[in-house]
Amino acid sequence: MALELKIDEEITLKQFSVEDAGAIFELIDRNREHLSQHDDDTAGKYLNEETVLESIQNPKNTERLRIGIWAGEDLTGSINLTRFNGSASFEIGYYLGSEYQERGYMTRAVNKIVEYAFAEKKACTVFANVHPNNTRSMAVLERAGFSTSNKVTKAGSLIYFKCRLTTDH
């Protein structure tokens, strides 16, 4: 069964299905320039609806949950949750169509997927790699309670992380 998480009356997270390929491609296609800032390769990977469909039917990483951020019937963006090397750490990655920015959609989506990772996947840590010039993404993560070590990875990204609070001893 496909994952579906209702955030509020406006936003729902739904795991991508083959029926979503057209909506995913349309969102990417009208946001190619926006998605290509900060060295993201989403726009370059999906040149037509068939490549989107292929990625849903035959994912490169079966450990990655690929989830649409829906505002009613409108696909506004995507958020991924990927287990890191079989550990209790999970990486998130996301994008939002430029026409949907500054509405709080991504902050709500990040909060919900982190809550899901901690509760359902028993994650200890959720992290994100962020391009050092992507101030919007940094702001989303900070609003969602993530911290940064301010260390730059070999790829030039900053790592933001959030750890599960536990009362276990």
Protein backbone atom coordinates (compact mmCIF):
# COMPACT_ATOMS: atom_id res chain seq x y z
CA MET A 1 0.00 0.00 0.00
CA ALA A 2 1.31 3.43 -0.93
CA LEU A 3 2.20 5.78 1.87
CA GLU A 4 -0.15 8.73 2.42
CA LEU A 5 0.32 11.27 5.22
CA LYS A 6 -2.20 14.07 5.71
CA ILE A 7 -0.48 17.14 7.12
CA ASP A 8 -3.48 19.43 7.41
CA GLU A 9 -6.58 20.43 5.43
CA GLU A 10 -4.36 21.88 2.69
CA ILE A 11 -1.38 19.52 2.30
CA THR A 12 -1.04 15.75 1.88
CA LEU A 13 2.09 13.72 1.26
CA LYS A 14 1.55 10.76 -1.11
CA GLN A 15 4.08 8.21 -2.27
CA PHE A 16 4.54 8.51 -6.04
CA SER A 17 2.63 6.08 -8.22
CA VAL A 18 2.65 5.52 -11.98
CA GLU A 19 -0.52 7.65 -12.21
CA ASP A 20 1.52 10.64 -10.98
CA ALA A 21 4.09 10.56 -13.82
CA GLY A 22 2.32 13.24 -15.87
CA ALA A 23 1.95 15.64 -12.94
CA ILE A 24 5.57 15.08 -11.87
CA PHE A 25 6.87 15.73 -15.37
CA GLU A 26 4.75 18.89 -15.77
CA LEU A 27 6.03 20.28 -12.45
CA ILE A 28 9.65 19.55 -13.38
CA ASP A 29 9.26 20.79 -16.96
CA ARG A 30 7.90 24.20 -15.99
CA ASN A 31 10.55 24.56 -13.25
CA ARG A 32 13.70 23.42 -15.09
CA GLU A 33 15.66 26.62 -14.52
CA HIS A 34 14.50 26.89 -10.91
CA LEU A 35 15.40 23.24 -10.18
CA SER A 36 18.83 23.57 -11.80
CA GLN A 37 20.07 26.23 -9.39
CA HIS A 38 22.44 24.93 -6.70
CA ASP A 39 23.70 22.01 -8.83
CA ASP A 40 20.54 19.87 -8.52
CA ASP A 41 20.18 17.28 -11.29
CA THR A 42 16.39 16.69 -11.12
CA ALA A 43 15.66 18.69 -14.29
CA GLY A 44 18.40 16.91 -16.21
CA LYS A 45 17.29 13.41 -15.20
CA TYR A 46 13.68 13.74 -16.34
CA LEU A 47 13.56 14.88 -19.95
CA ASN A 48 10.09 13.51 -20.69
CA GLU A 49 7.18 11.76 -19.01
CA GLU A 50 8.59 8.35 -19.97
CA THR A 51 11.76 8.92 -17.93
CA VAL A 52 9.63 9.88 -14.92
CA LEU A 53 7.47 6.79 -15.37
CA GLU A 54 10.56 4.57 -15.68
CA SER A 55 11.98 6.01 -12.44
CA ILE A 56 8.76 5.15 -10.60
CA GLN A 57 8.46 1.64 -12.04
CA ASN A 58 12.16 0.78 -11.71
CA PRO A 59 13.70 2.99 -9.02
CA LYS A 60 17.50 3.13 -8.83
CA ASN A 61 17.31 3.03 -5.04
CA THR A 62 14.58 0.82 -3.61
CA GLU A 63 15.37 2.18 -0.12
CA ARG A 64 14.16 5.65 -1.15
CA LEU A 65 10.59 6.73 -0.47
CA ARG A 66 9.65 9.25 -3.17
CA ILE A 67 6.71 11.32 -2.07
CA GLY A 68 4.65 14.05 -3.68
CA ILE A 69 3.60 17.16 -1.81
CA TRP A 70 0.00 17.78 -2.84
CA ALA A 71 -2.11 20.88 -2.19
CA GLY A 72 -5.51 19.51 -3.10
CA GLU A 73 -5.16 18.26 -6.69
CA ASP A 74 -1.95 20.23 -7.35
CA LEU A 75 1.45 18.56 -7.11
CA THR A 76 3.61 21.29 -5.60
CA GLY A 77 6.85 19.42 -5.01
CA SER A 78 8.58 16.26 -3.87
CA ILE A 79 10.27 15.01 -0.73
CA ASN A 80 12.39 11.87 -0.46
CA LEU A 81 13.35 9.80 2.55
CA THR A 82 16.28 7.39 2.14
CA ARG A 83 17.83 5.04 4.69
CA PHE A 84 21.57 5.74 4.85
CA ASN A 85 23.74 2.63 4.46
CA GLY A 86 21.35 0.36 6.38
CA SER A 87 21.70 2.49 9.51
CA ALA A 88 19.16 4.31 11.68
CA SER A 89 20.03 7.52 9.80
CA PHE A 90 17.86 8.78 6.97
CA GLU A 91 18.53 11.45 4.37
CA ILE A 92 15.86 13.78 3.09
CA GLY A 93 15.92 15.65 -0.17
CA TYR A 94 13.23 17.84 -1.65
CA TYR A 95 12.17 20.38 -4.22
CA LEU A 96 9.24 22.72 -4.57
CA GLY A 97 7.91 24.36 -7.69
CA SER A 98 8.81 28.06 -7.75
CA GLU A 99 5.13 28.99 -8.01
CA TYR A 100 4.48 27.33 -4.62
CA GLN A 101 7.22 28.96 -2.57
CA GLU A 102 6.60 31.10 0.50
CA ARG A 103 3.43 29.25 1.52
CA GLY A 104 5.00 27.04 4.18
CA TYR A 105 4.46 23.85 2.17
CA MET A 106 8.02 22.59 2.43
CA THR A 107 8.46 23.32 6.12
CA ARG A 108 5.24 21.40 6.84
CA ALA A 109 6.34 18.55 4.57
CA VAL A 110 9.77 18.31 6.22
CA ASN A 111 8.22 18.31 9.69
CA LYS A 112 5.79 15.53 8.71
CA ILE A 113 8.37 13.31 7.00
CA VAL A 114 10.75 13.67 9.96
CA GLU A 115 7.93 12.76 12.35
CA TYR A 116 7.22 9.71 10.15
CA ALA A 117 10.91 8.73 10.03
CA PHE A 118 11.25 8.86 13.82
CA ALA A 119 7.94 7.14 14.62
CA GLU A 120 7.59 4.56 11.85
CA LYS A 121 11.13 3.95 10.58
CA LYS A 122 12.72 4.22 14.05
CA ALA A 123 15.25 6.73 12.71
CA CYS A 124 17.73 8.14 15.19
CA THR A 125 18.88 10.92 12.87
CA VAL A 126 17.47 12.61 9.78
CA PHE A 127 19.87 14.71 7.72
CA ALA A 128 20.00 16.79 4.54
CA ASN A 129 22.85 17.90 2.30
CA VAL A 130 22.37 21.53 1.30
CA HIS A 131 24.21 23.58 -1.31
CA PRO A 132 25.95 26.44 0.55
CA ASN A 133 24.08 29.03 -1.54
CA ASN A 134 20.63 27.52 -1.06
CA THR A 135 19.45 29.86 1.67
CA ARG A 136 15.77 28.95 1.16
CA SER A 137 16.49 25.30 1.91
CA MET A 138 18.58 26.24 4.93
CA ALA A 139 15.70 28.35 6.24
CA VAL A 140 13.25 25.44 5.80
CA LEU A 141 15.49 23.11 7.78
CA GLU A 142 16.11 25.67 10.51
CA ARG A 143 12.34 26.27 10.87
CA ALA A 144 11.94 22.47 11.14
CA GLY A 145 14.41 22.35 14.04
CA PHE A 146 17.48 21.04 12.21
CA SER A 147 21.01 21.98 13.24
CA THR A 148 24.16 22.31 11.16
CA SER A 149 27.74 21.51 11.96
CA ASN A 150 28.79 24.27 9.52
CA LYS A 151 31.27 21.80 8.03
CA VAL A 152 31.38 21.49 4.26
CA THR A 153 31.40 17.99 2.72
CA LYS A 154 33.77 16.94 -0.05
CA ALA A 155 30.95 17.69 -2.49
CA GLY A 156 30.69 21.23 -1.11
CA SER A 157 27.38 20.74 0.75
CA LEU A 158 26.46 21.67 4.28
CA ILE A 159 24.93 18.93 6.40
CA TYR A 160 21.85 19.73 8.44
CA PHE A 161 20.60 17.14 10.92
CA LYS A 162 17.90 16.46 13.45
CA CYS A 163 18.17 13.78 16.12
CA ARG A 164 15.30 11.94 17.74
CA LEU A 165 14.75 12.84 21.35
CA THR A 166 14.46 9.75 23.45
CA THR A 167 13.74 8.97 27.06
CA ASP A 168 15.32 5.51 26.79
CA HIS A 169 18.36 4.91 29.01
